[in-house]
Amino acid sequence: MVDTKKKAYEKLYDACNGLRDNLEPLRFRNYVLTLLFAKYVSECCDGNWNINIPIGGSFDDIIAMKYRENIGEGINVVLRRLAEANGLNGTIDVVDFSSEEIGKGQYAIDKLSRLVEIFQDLPTDFFDHQSSNRKFFCEAYEYLSYKFALKNKKVEFGTPKEFDTPKE
C-alpha cells in the first residue's frame, strides 16, 4: 500500500509541477492546494463537518470553466462562493487564478485547464470520506506541501522528512 500511495502522490506532484513553469514552487503550491481542497470538500463534505457546497461553489463549477476565456476569474468566483458559504473568507479565496503570474491569453487558459483536469481525473475513492482514503487525502496534501517546499531553494524548513515515504 505504501508504494501505491507514494506513486499516487508522486504522479500528482509531477503533473502539477510540470505546469509550474517559472513560477516559484511556493507560489504555485497555493494554486495546487487550493484546487485540491475545493475538489475534496466538493466530493465528500457537503453537509459534513459543517461544510456547505453552495450553488456555483463546487468543483464541478470549476470544471465547467475549463478552456473558457475567463477561466481564472471564473475559478475565483467559485472559490469566493465556497468561502462565503462557509465563513472561509480570506483563506481559500485569496489565491488569484486570474493573476498574470499564471500567464496570459490562451497560454493561461490552457495551463489552468490542464491543472483542473489533473484534479478532475483523480479517482473518486481518493476523496471518499467514509474510507481510509480520507487519511490518503490528508497525507497527499502534506506530501505536496513538502515537495513544493523542497523545490524552493529559499526555504530552510518544511514538512518533516517522514513524508518522503508515506506511511500506511
C-alpha atoms as a PDB file:
ATOM      1  CA  MET A   1       0.000   0.000   0.000  1.00  0.00           C
ATOM      2  CA  VAL A   2       2.856   2.416   0.765  1.00  0.00           C
ATOM      3  CA  ASP A   3       4.239   2.053  -2.768  1.00  0.00           C
ATOM      4  CA  THR A   4       0.793   2.650  -4.260  1.00  0.00           C
ATOM      5  CA  LYS A   5       0.271   5.778  -2.185  1.00  0.00           C
ATOM      6  CA  LYS A   6       3.743   7.094  -2.872  1.00  0.00           C
ATOM      7  CA  LYS A   7       3.271   6.555  -6.613  1.00  0.00           C
ATOM      8  CA  ALA A   8      -0.081   8.366  -6.474  1.00  0.00           C
ATOM      9  CA  TYR A   9       1.484  11.287  -4.586  1.00  0.00           C
ATOM     10  CA  GLU A  10       4.406  11.465  -6.997  1.00  0.00           C
ATOM     11  CA  LYS A  11       2.129  11.320 -10.037  1.00  0.00           C
ATOM     12  CA  LEU A  12       0.001  14.141  -8.638  1.00  0.00           C
ATOM     13  CA  TYR A  13       3.065  16.223  -7.762  1.00  0.00           C
ATOM     14  CA  ASP A  14       4.775  15.627 -11.124  1.00  0.00           C
ATOM     15  CA  ALA A  15       1.626  16.548 -13.030  1.00  0.00           C
ATOM     16  CA  CYS A  16       1.198  19.764 -11.084  1.00  0.00           C
ATOM     17  CA  ASN A  17       4.884  20.654 -11.070  1.00  0.00           C
ATOM     18  CA  GLY A  18       5.029  20.146 -14.817  1.00  0.00           C
ATOM     19  CA  LEU A  19       2.672  23.091 -15.236  1.00  0.00           C
ATOM     20  CA  ARG A  20       4.587  25.350 -12.870  1.00  0.00           C
ATOM     21  CA  ASP A  21       6.982  26.820 -15.481  1.00  0.00           C
ATOM     22  CA  ASN A  22       8.908  29.721 -13.969  1.00  0.00           C
ATOM     23  CA  LEU A  23       6.516  30.319 -11.094  1.00  0.00           C
ATOM     24  CA  GLU A  24       8.215  29.767  -7.739  1.00  0.00           C
ATOM     25  CA  PRO A  25       7.179  26.459  -6.160  1.00  0.00           C
ATOM     26  CA  LEU A  26       5.732  28.051  -3.044  1.00  0.00           C
ATOM     27  CA  ARG A  27       3.583  30.398  -5.146  1.00  0.00           C
ATOM     28  CA  PHE A  28       2.401  27.590  -7.437  1.00  0.00           C
ATOM     29  CA  ARG A  29       1.713  25.410  -4.397  1.00  0.00           C
ATOM     30  CA  ASN A  30      -1.057  27.828  -3.425  1.00  0.00           C
ATOM     31  CA  TYR A  31      -2.914  27.160  -6.685  1.00  0.00           C
ATOM     32  CA  VAL A  32      -2.468  23.404  -6.403  1.00  0.00           C
ATOM     33  CA  LEU A  33      -3.512  23.077  -2.771  1.00  0.00           C
ATOM     34  CA  THR A  34      -6.483  25.395  -3.226  1.00  0.00           C
ATOM     35  CA  LEU A  35      -7.822  23.228  -6.065  1.00  0.00           C
ATOM     36  CA  LEU A  36      -7.122  20.066  -4.088  1.00  0.00           C
ATOM     37  CA  PHE A  37      -9.117  21.447  -1.146  1.00  0.00           C
ATOM     38  CA  ALA A  38     -12.008  22.543  -3.392  1.00  0.00           C
ATOM     39  CA  LYS A  39     -12.111  19.108  -5.027  1.00  0.00           C
ATOM     40  CA  TYR A  40     -12.015  17.327  -1.673  1.00  0.00           C
ATOM     41  CA  VAL A  41     -14.776  19.314   0.019  1.00  0.00           C
ATOM     42  CA  SER A  42     -16.943  19.125  -3.103  1.00  0.00           C
ATOM     43  CA  GLU A  43     -16.579  15.355  -3.281  1.00  0.00           C
ATOM     44  CA  CYS A  44     -17.152  14.424   0.330  1.00  0.00           C
ATOM     45  CA  CYS A  45     -18.001  17.257   2.663  1.00  0.00           C
ATOM     46  CA  ASP A  46     -21.318  18.746   1.588  1.00  0.00           C
ATOM     47  CA  GLY A  47     -23.288  18.672   4.825  1.00  0.00           C
ATOM     48  CA  ASN A  48     -20.398  17.047   6.708  1.00  0.00           C
ATOM     49  CA  TRP A  49     -18.026  18.925   9.016  1.00  0.00           C
ATOM     50  CA  ASN A  50     -20.331  21.957   8.729  1.00  0.00           C
ATOM     51  CA  ILE A  51     -19.190  22.472   5.130  1.00  0.00           C
ATOM     52  CA  ASN A  52     -21.833  23.553   2.648  1.00  0.00           C
ATOM     53  CA  ILE A  53     -21.277  23.493  -1.072  1.00  0.00           C
ATOM     54  CA  PRO A  54     -23.354  26.357  -2.488  1.00  0.00           C
ATOM     55  CA  ILE A  55     -24.785  26.558  -5.975  1.00  0.00           C
ATOM     56  CA  GLY A  56     -21.950  27.813  -8.126  1.00  0.00           C
ATOM     57  CA  GLY A  57     -19.366  26.921  -5.496  1.00  0.00           C
ATOM     58  CA  SER A  58     -18.411  23.317  -6.262  1.00  0.00           C
ATOM     59  CA  PHE A  59     -15.512  21.713  -8.039  1.00  0.00           C
ATOM     60  CA  ASP A  60     -17.948  20.818 -10.841  1.00  0.00           C
ATOM     61  CA  ASP A  61     -18.385  24.563 -11.359  1.00  0.00           C
ATOM     62  CA  ILE A  62     -14.612  24.873 -11.675  1.00  0.00           C
ATOM     63  CA  ILE A  63     -14.617  22.036 -14.222  1.00  0.00           C
ATOM     64  CA  ALA A  64     -17.261  23.901 -16.217  1.00  0.00           C
ATOM     65  CA  MET A  65     -14.782  26.788 -16.584  1.00  0.00           C
ATOM     66  CA  LYS A  66     -12.163  24.705 -18.438  1.00  0.00           C
ATOM     67  CA  TYR A  67     -10.901  26.225 -21.677  1.00  0.00           C
ATOM     68  CA  ARG A  68     -13.104  29.307 -21.287  1.00  0.00           C
ATOM     69  CA  GLU A  69     -11.585  32.684 -21.918  1.00  0.00           C
ATOM     70  CA  ASN A  70     -12.326  33.824 -18.350  1.00  0.00           C
ATOM     71  CA  ILE A  71     -11.309  30.615 -16.561  1.00  0.00           C
ATOM     72  CA  GLY A  72      -9.139  32.383 -13.978  1.00  0.00           C
ATOM     73  CA  GLU A  73     -11.822  34.804 -12.876  1.00  0.00           C
ATOM     74  CA  GLY A  74     -14.400  32.010 -13.047  1.00  0.00           C
ATOM     75  CA  ILE A  75     -12.388  29.892 -10.612  1.00  0.00           C
ATOM     76  CA  ASN A  76     -12.037  32.939  -8.350  1.00  0.00           C
ATOM     77  CA  VAL A  77     -15.839  33.368  -8.307  1.00  0.00           C
ATOM     78  CA  VAL A  78     -16.419  29.698  -7.472  1.00  0.00           C
ATOM     79  CA  LEU A  79     -13.905  29.852  -4.622  1.00  0.00           C
ATOM     80  CA  ARG A  80     -15.448  33.085  -3.285  1.00  0.00           C
ATOM     81  CA  ARG A  81     -18.880  31.426  -3.216  1.00  0.00           C
ATOM     82  CA  LEU A  82     -17.481  28.410  -1.400  1.00  0.00           C
ATOM     83  CA  ALA A  83     -15.634  30.651   1.066  1.00  0.00           C
ATOM     84  CA  GLU A  84     -18.644  32.876   1.737  1.00  0.00           C
ATOM     85  CA  ALA A  85     -20.953  29.905   2.308  1.00  0.00           C
ATOM     86  CA  ASN A  86     -18.619  28.527   4.961  1.00  0.00           C
ATOM     87  CA  GLY A  87     -17.127  31.572   6.674  1.00  0.00           C
ATOM     88  CA  LEU A  88     -13.787  30.897   4.997  1.00  0.00           C
ATOM     89  CA  ASN A  89     -13.279  34.360   3.538  1.00  0.00           C
ATOM     90  CA  GLY A  90      -9.615  35.271   3.457  1.00  0.00           C
ATOM     91  CA  THR A  91      -8.488  31.628   3.365  1.00  0.00           C
ATOM     92  CA  ILE A  92      -9.430  29.623   0.282  1.00  0.00           C
ATOM     93  CA  ASP A  93     -10.324  32.690  -1.764  1.00  0.00           C
ATOM     94  CA  VAL A  94      -7.018  34.555  -1.540  1.00  0.00           C
ATOM     95  CA  VAL A  95      -5.274  32.885  -4.479  1.00  0.00           C
ATOM     96  CA  ASP A  96      -5.909  34.849  -7.674  1.00  0.00           C
ATOM     97  CA  PHE A  97      -6.365  32.422 -10.545  1.00  0.00           C
ATOM     98  CA  SER A  98      -6.600  35.343 -12.973  1.00  0.00           C
ATOM     99  CA  SER A  99      -3.147  36.634 -11.993  1.00  0.00           C
ATOM    100  CA  GLU A 100      -0.699  37.252 -14.803  1.00  0.00           C
ATOM    101  CA  GLU A 101       1.851  35.136 -12.920  1.00  0.00           C
ATOM    102  CA  ILE A 102      -0.042  32.128 -14.335  1.00  0.00           C
ATOM    103  CA  GLY A 103       0.399  33.509 -17.828  1.00  0.00           C
ATOM    104  CA  LYS A 104      -1.623  35.463 -20.342  1.00  0.00           C
ATOM    105  CA  GLY A 105      -4.176  34.698 -23.016  1.00  0.00           C
ATOM    106  CA  GLN A 106      -4.521  31.214 -24.414  1.00  0.00           C
ATOM    107  CA  TYR A 107      -1.409  30.083 -22.560  1.00  0.00           C
ATOM    108  CA  ALA A 108      -3.049  30.818 -19.173  1.00  0.00           C
ATOM    109  CA  ILE A 109      -6.346  29.271 -20.294  1.00  0.00           C
ATOM    110  CA  ASP A 110      -4.615  26.037 -21.322  1.00  0.00           C
ATOM    111  CA  LYS A 111      -2.420  25.923 -18.219  1.00  0.00           C
ATOM    112  CA  LEU A 112      -5.314  26.392 -15.777  1.00  0.00           C
ATOM    113  CA  SER A 113      -7.493  23.967 -17.717  1.00  0.00           C
ATOM    114  CA  ARG A 114      -4.816  21.277 -17.568  1.00  0.00           C
ATOM    115  CA  LEU A 115      -4.368  21.918 -13.842  1.00  0.00           C
ATOM    116  CA  VAL A 116      -8.111  21.481 -13.275  1.00  0.00           C
ATOM    117  CA  GLU A 117      -8.019  18.275 -15.337  1.00  0.00           C
ATOM    118  CA  ILE A 118      -5.335  16.820 -13.055  1.00  0.00           C
ATOM    119  CA  PHE A 119      -7.742  17.022 -10.123  1.00  0.00           C
ATOM    120  CA  GLN A 120     -10.764  16.107 -12.208  1.00  0.00           C
ATOM    121  CA  ASP A 121      -9.048  12.852 -13.183  1.00  0.00           C
ATOM    122  CA  LEU A 122      -8.231  11.746  -9.633  1.00  0.00           C
ATOM    123  CA  PRO A 123     -10.124   8.577  -8.696  1.00  0.00           C
ATOM    124  CA  THR A 124     -13.333   9.274  -6.764  1.00  0.00           C
ATOM    125  CA  ASP A 125     -12.283   6.978  -3.918  1.00  0.00           C
ATOM    126  CA  PHE A 126      -9.316   9.297  -3.316  1.00  0.00           C
ATOM    127  CA  PHE A 127     -11.890  11.648  -1.784  1.00  0.00           C
ATOM    128  CA  ASP A 128     -14.145   9.090  -0.097  1.00  0.00           C
ATOM    129  CA  HIS A 129     -14.623  10.348   3.456  1.00  0.00           C
ATOM    130  CA  GLN A 130     -16.119   7.021   4.519  1.00  0.00           C
ATOM    131  CA  SER A 131     -12.898   5.128   3.947  1.00  0.00           C
ATOM    132  CA  SER A 132      -9.256   5.187   4.903  1.00  0.00           C
ATOM    133  CA  ASN A 133      -8.755   7.324   1.810  1.00  0.00           C
ATOM    134  CA  ARG A 134      -9.593  10.365   3.939  1.00  0.00           C
ATOM    135  CA  LYS A 135      -6.179   9.828   5.500  1.00  0.00           C
ATOM    136  CA  PHE A 136      -4.801   9.333   1.988  1.00  0.00           C
ATOM    137  CA  PHE A 137      -6.084  12.793   1.012  1.00  0.00           C
ATOM    138  CA  CYS A 138      -4.557  14.423   4.109  1.00  0.00           C
ATOM    139  CA  GLU A 139      -1.210  12.750   3.507  1.00  0.00           C
ATOM    140  CA  ALA A 140      -1.282  13.804  -0.144  1.00  0.00           C
ATOM    141  CA  TYR A 141      -1.889  17.400   0.917  1.00  0.00           C
ATOM    142  CA  GLU A 142       1.076  17.239   3.301  1.00  0.00           C
ATOM    143  CA  TYR A 143       3.237  15.496   0.691  1.00  0.00           C
ATOM    144  CA  LEU A 144       2.538  18.172  -1.917  1.00  0.00           C
ATOM    145  CA  SER A 145       3.281  20.923   0.608  1.00  0.00           C
ATOM    146  CA  TYR A 146       6.573  19.244   1.453  1.00  0.00           C
ATOM    147  CA  LYS A 147       7.638  18.671  -2.159  1.00  0.00           C
ATOM    148  CA  PHE A 148       6.927  22.258  -3.151  1.00  0.00           C
ATOM    149  CA  ALA A 149       8.853  23.466  -0.087  1.00  0.00           C
ATOM    150  CA  LEU A 150      11.830  21.332  -1.132  1.00  0.00           C
ATOM    151  CA  LYS A 151      11.775  22.874  -4.604  1.00  0.00           C
ATOM    152  CA  ASN A 152      12.020  26.363  -3.142  1.00  0.00           C
ATOM    153  CA  LYS A 153      15.704  26.944  -2.515  1.00  0.00           C
ATOM    154  CA  LYS A 154      14.914  29.859  -0.192  1.00  0.00           C
ATOM    155  CA  VAL A 155      13.148  27.646   2.329  1.00  0.00           C
ATOM    156  CA  GLU A 156      15.203  26.238   5.180  1.00  0.00           C
ATOM    157  CA  PHE A 157      12.348  24.346   6.771  1.00  0.00           C
ATOM    158  CA  GLY A 158       9.467  22.226   5.594  1.00  0.00           C
ATOM    159  CA  THR A 159       7.277  19.325   6.380  1.00  0.00           C
ATOM    160  CA  PRO A 160       9.180  16.589   8.224  1.00  0.00           C
ATOM    161  CA  LYS A 161      11.205  14.202   6.061  1.00  0.00           C
ATOM    162  CA  GLU A 162       8.835  11.371   7.011  1.00  0.00           C
ATOM    163  CA  PHE A 163       6.556  12.474   4.161  1.00  0.00           C
ATOM    164  CA  ASP A 164       9.110  11.373   1.598  1.00  0.00           C
ATOM    165  CA  THR A 165       7.867   7.867   2.287  1.00  0.00           C
ATOM    166  CA  PRO A 166       4.132   7.922   3.050  1.00  0.00           C
ATOM    167  CA  LYS A 167       3.009   5.698   5.892  1.00  0.00           C
ATOM    168  CA  GLU A 168       0.337   3.053   5.566  1.00  0.00           C
END
